[in-house]
């Protein structure tokens, strides 16, 4: 019951904060993004003779995964640097 009241206060404050900003109209290029992507993939369908899309997606996926792992290692090292006797802060 208390948690519901606190959540209600949070929602009320969030609504008030959101009402401070003017209403934004979504640009037309974002509302038609799905049809533009469908057109792009339809036009790129004939390119598969020259480009092996499976291989390209695997290579791009591997690169993204390596970046994610490197970013995770950097975050873990940054967090570990604040722990005494482990990182550089102790």
PDB file of N, CA and C in Angstrom:
ATOM      1  N   UNK A   1       0.816  -1.177   0.000  1.00  0.00           N
ATOM      2  CA  UNK A   1       0.000   0.000   0.000  1.00  0.00           C
ATOM      3  C   UNK A   1       0.870   1.256   0.000  1.00  0.00           C
ATOM      4  N   UNK A   2       1.897   1.234   0.830  1.00  0.00           N
ATOM      5  CA  UNK A   2       2.807   2.378   0.863  1.00  0.00           C
ATOM      6  C   UNK A   2       3.584   2.452  -0.450  1.00  0.00           C
ATOM      7  N   UNK A   3       3.980   1.295  -0.955  1.00  0.00           N
ATOM      8  CA  UNK A   3       4.720   1.269  -2.218  1.00  0.00           C
ATOM      9  C   UNK A   3       3.859   1.797  -3.360  1.00  0.00           C
ATOM     10  N   UNK A   4       2.570   1.443  -3.360  1.00  0.00           N
ATOM     11  CA  UNK A   4       1.668   1.981  -4.386  1.00  0.00           C
ATOM     12  C   UNK A   4       1.587   3.497  -4.299  1.00  0.00           C
ATOM     13  N   UNK A   5       1.519   4.011  -3.083  1.00  0.00           N
ATOM     14  CA  UNK A   5       1.456   5.460  -2.903  1.00  0.00           C
ATOM     15  C   UNK A   5       2.737   6.120  -3.402  1.00  0.00           C
ATOM     16  N   UNK A   6       3.903   5.520  -3.083  1.00  0.00           N
ATOM     17  CA  UNK A   6       5.171   6.079  -3.542  1.00  0.00           C
ATOM     18  C   UNK A   6       5.277   6.031  -5.066  1.00  0.00           C
ATOM     19  N   UNK A   7       4.826   4.921  -5.649  1.00  0.00           N
ATOM     20  CA  UNK A   7       4.840   4.823  -7.109  1.00  0.00           C
ATOM     21  C   UNK A   7       3.888   5.835  -7.727  1.00  0.00           C
ATOM     22  N   UNK A   8       2.730   6.054  -7.098  1.00  0.00           N
ATOM     23  CA  UNK A   8       1.788   7.064  -7.590  1.00  0.00           C
ATOM     24  C   UNK A   8       2.399   8.455  -7.552  1.00  0.00           C
ATOM     25  N   UNK A   9       3.120   8.765  -6.467  1.00  0.00           N
ATOM     26  CA  UNK A   9       3.804  10.062  -6.378  1.00  0.00           C
ATOM     27  C   UNK A   9       4.856  10.168  -7.485  1.00  0.00           C
ATOM     28  N   UNK A  10       5.592   9.090  -7.712  1.00  0.00           N
ATOM     29  CA  UNK A  10       6.608   9.099  -8.771  1.00  0.00           C
ATOM     30  C   UNK A  10       5.991   9.316 -10.143  1.00  0.00           C
ATOM     31  N   UNK A  11       4.863   8.657 -10.402  1.00  0.00           N
ATOM     32  CA  UNK A  11       4.181   8.822 -11.688  1.00  0.00           C
ATOM     33  C   UNK A  11       3.659  10.247 -11.835  1.00  0.00           C
ATOM     34  N   UNK A  12       3.131  10.798 -10.759  1.00  0.00           N
ATOM     35  CA  UNK A  12       2.618  12.170 -10.802  1.00  0.00           C
ATOM     36  C   UNK A  12       3.751  13.156 -11.090  1.00  0.00           C
ATOM     37  N   UNK A  13       4.892  12.966 -10.434  1.00  0.00           N
ATOM     38  CA  UNK A  13       6.044  13.849 -10.683  1.00  0.00           C
ATOM     39  C   UNK A  13       6.545  13.663 -12.106  1.00  0.00           C
ATOM     40  N   UNK A  14       6.573  12.421 -12.587  1.00  0.00           N
ATOM     41  CA  UNK A  14       7.006  12.170 -13.969  1.00  0.00           C
ATOM     42  C   UNK A  14       6.079  12.818 -14.984  1.00  0.00           C
ATOM     43  N   UNK A  15       4.768  12.719 -14.745  1.00  0.00           N
ATOM     44  CA  UNK A  15       3.802  13.364 -15.650  1.00  0.00           C
ATOM     45  C   UNK A  15       3.960  14.878 -15.635  1.00  0.00           C
ATOM     46  N   UNK A  16       4.171  15.430 -14.438  1.00  0.00           N
ATOM     47  CA  UNK A  16       4.373  16.878 -14.340  1.00  0.00           C
ATOM     48  C   UNK A  16       5.626  17.301 -15.094  1.00  0.00           C
ATOM     49  N   UNK A  17       6.721  16.531 -14.928  1.00  0.00           N
ATOM     50  CA  UNK A  17       7.969  16.864 -15.605  1.00  0.00           C
ATOM     51  C   UNK A  17       7.813  16.758 -17.122  1.00  0.00           C
ATOM     52  N   UNK A  18       7.101  15.736 -17.582  1.00  0.00           N
ATOM     53  CA  UNK A  18       6.881  15.570 -19.019  1.00  0.00           C
ATOM     54  C   UNK A  18       5.997  16.671 -19.578  1.00  0.00           C
ATOM     55  N   UNK A  19       5.086  17.198 -18.754  1.00  0.00           N
ATOM     56  CA  UNK A  19       4.207  18.267 -19.242  1.00  0.00           C
ATOM     57  C   UNK A  19       4.939  19.588 -19.407  1.00  0.00           C
ATOM     58  N   UNK A  20       6.139  19.705 -18.869  1.00  0.00           N
ATOM     59  CA  UNK A  20       6.917  20.936 -19.027  1.00  0.00           C
ATOM     60  C   UNK A  20       7.452  21.104 -20.441  1.00  0.00           C
ATOM     61  N   UNK A  21       7.587  20.005 -21.165  1.00  0.00           N
ATOM     62  CA  UNK A  21       8.129  20.042 -22.523  1.00  0.00           C
ATOM     63  C   UNK A  21       6.999  20.182 -23.530  1.00  0.00           C
ATOM     64  N   UNK A  22       7.255  20.879 -24.641  1.00  0.00           N
ATOM     65  CA  UNK A  22       6.201  21.011 -25.649  1.00  0.00           C
ATOM     66  C   UNK A  22       5.959  19.678 -26.360  1.00  0.00           C
ATOM     67  N   UNK A  23       4.760  19.552 -26.936  1.00  0.00           N
ATOM     68  CA  UNK A  23       4.442  18.349 -27.698  1.00  0.00           C
ATOM     69  C   UNK A  23       5.299  18.304 -28.956  1.00  0.00           C
ATOM     70  N   UNK A  24       5.813  17.143 -29.253  1.00  0.00           N
ATOM     71  CA  UNK A  24       6.692  16.963 -30.405  1.00  0.00           C
ATOM     72  C   UNK A  24       5.967  16.120 -31.432  1.00  0.00           C
ATOM     73  N   UNK A  25       5.991  16.580 -32.675  1.00  0.00           N
ATOM     74  CA  UNK A  25       5.403  15.805 -33.759  1.00  0.00           C
ATOM     75  C   UNK A  25       6.496  14.949 -34.389  1.00  0.00           C
ATOM     76  N   UNK A  26       6.189  13.690 -34.580  1.00  0.00           N
ATOM     77  CA  UNK A  26       7.171  12.767 -35.135  1.00  0.00           C
ATOM     78  C   UNK A  26       7.400  13.117 -36.604  1.00  0.00           C
ATOM     79  N   UNK A  27       8.688  13.231 -37.012  1.00  0.00           N
ATOM     80  CA  UNK A  27       8.966  13.551 -38.412  1.00  0.00           C
ATOM     81  C   UNK A  27       8.477  12.450 -39.349  1.00  0.00           C
ATOM     82  N   UNK A  28       8.087  12.828 -40.570  1.00  0.00           N
ATOM     83  CA  UNK A  28       7.549  11.818 -41.491  1.00  0.00           C
ATOM     84  C   UNK A  28       8.551  10.739 -41.885  1.00  0.00           C
ATOM     85  N   UNK A  29       9.856  11.047 -41.889  1.00  0.00           N
ATOM     86  CA  UNK A  29      10.811  10.014 -42.288  1.00  0.00           C
ATOM     87  C   UNK A  29      10.907   8.923 -41.221  1.00  0.00           C
ATOM     88  N   UNK A  30      10.546   9.226 -39.971  1.00  0.00           N
ATOM     89  CA  UNK A  30      10.532   8.177 -38.948  1.00  0.00           C
ATOM     90  C   UNK A  30       9.256   7.347 -39.002  1.00  0.00           C
ATOM     91  N   UNK A  31       8.146   7.957 -39.368  1.00  0.00           N
ATOM     92  CA  UNK A  31       6.904   7.187 -39.450  1.00  0.00           C
ATOM     93  C   UNK A  31       6.896   6.257 -40.653  1.00  0.00           C
ATOM     94  N   UNK A  32       7.640   6.597 -41.700  1.00  0.00           N
ATOM     95  CA  UNK A  32       7.711   5.745 -42.884  1.00  0.00           C
ATOM     96  C   UNK A  32       8.981   4.926 -42.948  1.00  0.00           C
ATOM     97  N   UNK A  33       9.640   4.739 -41.800  1.00  0.00           N
ATOM     98  CA  UNK A  33      10.916   4.029 -41.772  1.00  0.00           C
ATOM     99  C   UNK A  33      10.765   2.567 -42.184  1.00  0.00           C
ATOM    100  N   UNK A  34       9.664   1.925 -41.802  1.00  0.00           N
ATOM    101  CA  UNK A  34       9.490   0.513 -42.143  1.00  0.00           C
ATOM    102  C   UNK A  34       9.378   0.316 -43.652  1.00  0.00           C
ATOM    103  N   UNK A  35       8.655   1.196 -44.331  1.00  0.00           N
ATOM    104  CA  UNK A  35       8.530   1.042 -45.786  1.00  0.00           C
ATOM    105  C   UNK A  35       9.860   1.366 -46.476  1.00  0.00           C
ATOM    106  N   UNK A  36      10.615   2.325 -45.927  1.00  0.00           N
ATOM    107  CA  UNK A  36      11.922   2.631 -46.524  1.00  0.00           C
ATOM    108  C   UNK A  36      12.877   1.455 -46.366  1.00  0.00           C
ATOM    109  N   UNK A  37      12.857   0.799 -45.195  1.00  0.00           N
ATOM    110  CA  UNK A  37      13.724  -0.360 -45.000  1.00  0.00           C
ATOM    111  C   UNK A  37      13.299  -1.530 -45.886  1.00  0.00           C
ATOM    112  N   UNK A  38      11.996  -1.726 -46.039  1.00  0.00           N
ATOM    113  CA  UNK A  38      11.525  -2.778 -46.940  1.00  0.00           C
ATOM    114  C   UNK A  38      11.962  -2.519 -48.374  1.00  0.00           C
ATOM    115  N   UNK A  39      11.870  -1.259 -48.818  1.00  0.00           N
ATOM    116  CA  UNK A  39      12.327  -0.917 -50.156  1.00  0.00           C
ATOM    117  C   UNK A  39      13.827  -1.149 -50.307  1.00  0.00           C
ATOM    118  N   UNK A  40      14.598  -0.775 -49.278  1.00  0.00           N
ATOM    119  CA  UNK A  40      16.047  -0.955 -49.331  1.00  0.00           C
ATOM    120  C   UNK A  40      16.401  -2.431 -49.449  1.00  0.00           C
ATOM    121  N   UNK A  41      15.783  -3.279 -48.614  1.00  0.00           N
ATOM    122  CA  UNK A  41      16.092  -4.702 -48.669  1.00  0.00           C
ATOM    123  C   UNK A  41      15.597  -5.332 -49.967  1.00  0.00           C
ATOM    124  N   UNK A  42      14.508  -4.838 -50.514  1.00  0.00           N
ATOM    125  CA  UNK A  42      14.027  -5.356 -51.794  1.00  0.00           C
ATOM    126  C   UNK A  42      14.999  -5.003 -52.911  1.00  0.00           C
ATOM    127  N   UNK A  43      15.558  -3.801 -52.865  1.00  0.00           N
ATOM    128  CA  UNK A  43      16.510  -3.398 -53.896  1.00  0.00           C
ATOM    129  C   UNK A  43      17.850  -4.097 -53.727  1.00  0.00           C
ATOM    130  N   UNK A  44      18.206  -4.422 -52.469  1.00  0.00           N
ATOM    131  CA  UNK A  44      19.470  -5.113 -52.228  1.00  0.00           C
ATOM    132  C   UNK A  44      19.356  -6.619 -52.465  1.00  0.00           C
ATOM    133  N   UNK A  45      18.161  -7.107 -52.716  1.00  0.00           N
ATOM    134  CA  UNK A  45      17.983  -8.533 -52.952  1.00  0.00           C
ATOM    135  C   UNK A  45      18.728  -9.026 -54.172  1.00  0.00           C
ATOM    136  N   UNK A  46      18.845  -8.203 -55.202  1.00  0.00           N
ATOM    137  CA  UNK A  46      19.564  -8.605 -56.403  1.00  0.00           C
ATOM    138  C   UNK A  46      21.063  -8.534 -56.269  1.00  0.00           C
ATOM    139  N   UNK A  47      21.541  -7.921 -55.210  1.00  0.00           N
ATOM    140  CA  UNK A  47      22.981  -7.785 -55.007  1.00  0.00           C
ATOM    141  C   UNK A  47      23.575  -9.061 -54.423  1.00  0.00           C
ATOM    142  N   UNK A  48      22.727  -9.981 -53.975  1.00  0.00           N
ATOM    143  CA  UNK A  48      23.232 -11.192 -53.335  1.00  0.00           C
ATOM    144  C   UNK A  48      24.044 -12.059 -54.287  1.00  0.00           C
ATOM    145  N   UNK A  49      23.977 -11.781 -55.572  1.00  0.00           N
ATOM    146  CA  UNK A  49      24.807 -12.503 -56.525  1.00  0.00           C
ATOM    147  C   UNK A  49      26.273 -12.149 -56.302  1.00  0.00           C
ATOM    148  N   UNK A  50      26.536 -10.887 -55.961  1.00  0.00           N
ATOM    149  CA  UNK A  50      27.910 -10.426 -55.791  1.00  0.00           C
ATOM    150  C   UNK A  50      28.348 -10.412 -54.328  1.00  0.00           C
ATOM    151  N   UNK A  51      27.413 -10.260 -53.416  1.00  0.00           N
ATOM    152  CA  UNK A  51      27.756 -10.172 -51.993  1.00  0.00           C
ATOM    153  C   UNK A  51      27.112 -11.323 -51.238  1.00  0.00           C
ATOM    154  N   UNK A  52      27.921 -12.045 -50.483  1.00  0.00           N
ATOM    155  CA  UNK A  52      27.409 -13.143 -49.656  1.00  0.00           C
ATOM    156  C   UNK A  52      26.941 -12.552 -48.330  1.00  0.00           C
ATOM    157  N   UNK A  53      25.621 -12.304 -48.225  1.00  0.00           N
ATOM    158  CA  UNK A  53      25.081 -11.610 -47.059  1.00  0.00           C
ATOM    159  C   UNK A  53      25.273 -12.401 -45.780  1.00  0.00           C
ATOM    160  N   UNK A  54      25.220 -13.712 -45.864  1.00  0.00           N
ATOM    161  CA  UNK A  54      25.448 -14.520 -44.667  1.00  0.00           C
ATOM    162  C   UNK A  54      26.827 -14.281 -44.091  1.00  0.00           C
ATOM    163  N   UNK A  55      27.831 -14.258 -44.961  1.00  0.00           N
ATOM    164  CA  UNK A  55      29.201 -14.007 -44.517  1.00  0.00           C
ATOM    165  C   UNK A  55      29.356 -12.590 -43.968  1.00  0.00           C
ATOM    166  N   UNK A  56      28.737 -11.627 -44.630  1.00  0.00           N
ATOM    167  CA  UNK A  56      28.830 -10.232 -44.182  1.00  0.00           C
ATOM    168  C   UNK A  56      28.180 -10.075 -42.814  1.00  0.00           C
ATOM    169  N   UNK A  57      27.010 -10.690 -42.603  1.00  0.00           N
ATOM    170  CA  UNK A  57      26.346 -10.592 -41.306  1.00  0.00           C
ATOM    171  C   UNK A  57      27.163 -11.271 -40.211  1.00  0.00           C
ATOM    172  N   UNK A  58      27.828 -12.385 -40.532  1.00  0.00           N
ATOM    173  CA  UNK A  58      28.670 -13.065 -39.546  1.00  0.00           C
ATOM    174  C   UNK A  58      29.850 -12.181 -39.171  1.00  0.00           C
ATOM    175  N   UNK A  59      30.499 -11.586 -40.159  1.00  0.00           N
ATOM    176  CA  UNK A  59      31.656 -10.729 -39.883  1.00  0.00           C
ATOM    177  C   UNK A  59      31.245  -9.512 -39.058  1.00  0.00           C
ATOM    178  N   UNK A  60      30.164  -8.858 -39.446  1.00  0.00           N
ATOM    179  CA  UNK A  60      29.695  -7.696 -38.689  1.00  0.00           C
ATOM    180  C   UNK A  60      29.277  -8.116 -37.278  1.00  0.00           C
ATOM    181  N   UNK A  61      28.638  -9.261 -37.149  1.00  0.00           N
ATOM    182  CA  UNK A  61      28.244  -9.752 -35.832  1.00  0.00           C
ATOM    183  C   UNK A  61      29.440 -10.036 -34.942  1.00  0.00           C
ATOM    184  N   UNK A  62      30.480 -10.630 -35.504  1.00  0.00           N
ATOM    185  CA  UNK A  62      31.687 -10.912 -34.726  1.00  0.00           C
ATOM    186  C   UNK A  62      32.340  -9.611 -34.269  1.00  0.00           C
ATOM    187  N   UNK A  63      32.393  -8.623 -35.144  1.00  0.00           N
ATOM    188  CA  UNK A  63      32.981  -7.337 -34.777  1.00  0.00           C
ATOM    189  C   UNK A  63      32.188  -6.687 -33.648  1.00  0.00           C
ATOM    190  N   UNK A  64      30.872  -6.713 -33.727  1.00  0.00           N
ATOM    191  CA  UNK A  64      30.037  -6.118 -32.677  1.00  0.00           C
ATOM    192  C   UNK A  64      30.222  -6.869 -31.359  1.00  0.00           C
ATOM    193  N   UNK A  65      30.305  -8.187 -31.407  1.00  0.00           N
ATOM    194  CA  UNK A  65      30.513  -8.975 -30.186  1.00  0.00           C
ATOM    195  C   UNK A  65      31.871  -8.661 -29.570  1.00  0.00           C
ATOM    196  N   UNK A  66      32.916  -8.535 -30.381  1.00  0.00           N
ATOM    197  CA  UNK A  66      34.246  -8.201 -29.858  1.00  0.00           C
ATOM    198  C   UNK A  66      34.235  -6.820 -29.219  1.00  0.00           C
ATOM    199  N   UNK A  67      33.567  -5.856 -29.846  1.00  0.00           N
ATOM    200  CA  UNK A  67      33.447  -4.528 -29.244  1.00  0.00           C
ATOM    201  C   UNK A  67      32.716  -4.604 -27.914  1.00  0.00           C
ATOM    202  N   UNK A  68      31.658  -5.389 -27.852  1.00  0.00           N
ATOM    203  CA  UNK A  68      30.912  -5.541 -26.605  1.00  0.00           C
ATOM    204  C   UNK A  68      31.758  -6.165 -25.505  1.00  0.00           C
ATOM    205  N   UNK A  69      32.542  -7.179 -25.842  1.00  0.00           N
ATOM    206  CA  UNK A  69      33.415  -7.807 -24.858  1.00  0.00           C
ATOM    207  C   UNK A  69      34.478  -6.823 -24.385  1.00  0.00           C
ATOM    208  N   UNK A  70      35.071  -6.079 -25.312  1.00  0.00           N
ATOM    209  CA  UNK A  70      36.085  -5.094 -24.935  1.00  0.00           C
ATOM    210  C   UNK A  70      35.487  -4.009 -24.038  1.00  0.00           C
ATOM    211  N   UNK A  71      34.294  -3.560 -24.357  1.00  0.00           N
ATOM    212  CA  UNK A  71      33.632  -2.546 -23.536  1.00  0.00           C
ATOM    213  C   UNK A  71      33.326  -3.094 -22.143  1.00  0.00           C
ATOM    214  N   UNK A  72      32.886  -4.352 -22.077  1.00  0.00           N
ATOM    215  CA  UNK A  72      32.601  -4.982 -20.789  1.00  0.00           C
ATOM    216  C   UNK A  72      33.875  -5.100 -19.961  1.00  0.00           C
ATOM    217  N   UNK A  73      34.985  -5.479 -20.580  1.00  0.00           N
ATOM    218  CA  UNK A  73      36.258  -5.582 -19.866  1.00  0.00           C
ATOM    219  C   UNK A  73      36.675  -4.216 -19.342  1.00  0.00           C
ATOM    220  N   UNK A  74      36.501  -3.168 -20.138  1.00  0.00           N
ATOM    221  CA  UNK A  74      36.849  -1.825 -19.677  1.00  0.00           C
ATOM    222  C   UNK A  74      35.999  -1.413 -18.486  1.00  0.00           C
ATOM    223  N   UNK A  75      34.707  -1.721 -18.530  1.00  0.00           N
ATOM    224  CA  UNK A  75      33.820  -1.376 -17.419  1.00  0.00           C
ATOM    225  C   UNK A  75      34.227  -2.141 -16.163  1.00  0.00           C
ATOM    226  N   UNK A  76      34.522  -3.430 -16.286  1.00  0.00           N
ATOM    227  CA  UNK A  76      34.918  -4.234 -15.133  1.00  0.00           C
ATOM    228  C   UNK A  76      36.229  -3.711 -14.555  1.00  0.00           C
ATOM    229  N   UNK A  77      37.191  -3.345 -15.405  1.00  0.00           N
ATOM    230  CA  UNK A  77      38.449  -2.792 -14.916  1.00  0.00           C
ATOM    231  C   UNK A  77      38.228  -1.461 -14.213  1.00  0.00           C
ATOM    232  N   UNK A  78      37.321  -0.630 -14.738  1.00  0.00           N
ATOM    233  CA  UNK A  78      37.049   0.651 -14.098  1.00  0.00           C
ATOM    234  C   UNK A  78      36.398   0.450 -12.736  1.00  0.00           C
ATOM    235  N   UNK A  79      35.493  -0.507 -12.633  1.00  0.00           N
ATOM    236  CA  UNK A  79      34.848  -0.782 -11.351  1.00  0.00           C
ATOM    237  C   UNK A  79      35.857  -1.390 -10.379  1.00  0.00           C
ATOM    238  N   UNK A  80      36.709  -2.288 -10.861  1.00  0.00           N
ATOM    239  CA  UNK A  80      37.696  -2.935  -9.998  1.00  0.00           C
ATOM    240  C   UNK A  80      38.736  -1.939  -9.496  1.00  0.00           C
ATOM    241  N   UNK A  81      38.959  -0.872 -10.196  1.00  0.00           N
ATOM    242  CA  UNK A  81      39.951   0.102  -9.759  1.00  0.00           C
ATOM    243  C   UNK A  81      39.518   0.813  -8.488  1.00  0.00           C
ATOM    244  N   UNK A  82      38.243   0.776  -8.139  1.00  0.00           N
ATOM    245  CA  UNK A  82      37.756   1.410  -6.931  1.00  0.00           C
ATOM    246  C   UNK A  82      37.772   0.467  -5.728  1.00  0.00           C
ATOM    247  N   UNK A  83      38.019  -0.828  -5.961  1.00  0.00           N
ATOM    248  CA  UNK A  83      38.055  -1.780  -4.862  1.00  0.00           C
ATOM    249  C   UNK A  83      39.443  -1.770  -4.215  1.00  0.00           C
ATOM    250  N   UNK A  84      39.504  -1.699  -2.885  1.00  0.00           N
ATOM    251  CA  UNK A  84      40.806  -1.695  -2.223  1.00  0.00           C
ATOM    252  C   UNK A  84      41.549  -3.010  -2.428  1.00  0.00           C
ATOM    253  N   UNK A  85      42.840  -2.939  -2.522  1.00  0.00           N
ATOM    254  CA  UNK A  85      43.763  -4.060  -2.677  1.00  0.00           C
ATOM    255  C   UNK A  85      43.625  -4.780  -4.018  1.00  0.00           C
ATOM    256  N   UNK A  86      42.799  -4.284  -4.948  1.00  0.00           N
ATOM    257  CA  UNK A  86      42.669  -4.917  -6.271  1.00  0.00           C
ATOM    258  C   UNK A  86      43.099  -3.935  -7.346  1.00  0.00           C
ATOM    259  N   UNK A  87      42.507  -2.768  -7.310  1.00  0.00           N
ATOM    260  CA  UNK A  87      42.754  -1.800  -8.365  1.00  0.00           C
ATOM    261  C   UNK A  87      43.821  -0.789  -7.983  1.00  0.00           C
ATOM    262  N   UNK A  88      43.853   0.295  -8.721  1.00  0.00           N
ATOM    263  CA  UNK A  88      44.869   1.314  -8.503  1.00  0.00           C
ATOM    264  C   UNK A  88      44.514   2.306  -7.425  1.00  0.00           C
ATOM    265  N   UNK A  89      43.329   2.206  -6.829  1.00  0.00           N
ATOM    266  CA  UNK A  89      42.914   3.191  -5.844  1.00  0.00           C
ATOM    267  C   UNK A  89      43.294   2.798  -4.429  1.00  0.00           C
ATOM    268  N   UNK A  90      43.865   1.594  -4.204  1.00  0.00           N
ATOM    269  CA  UNK A  90      44.029   1.125  -2.859  1.00  0.00           C
ATOM    270  C   UNK A  90      45.395   1.242  -2.309  1.00  0.00           C
TER     271      UNK A  90
END
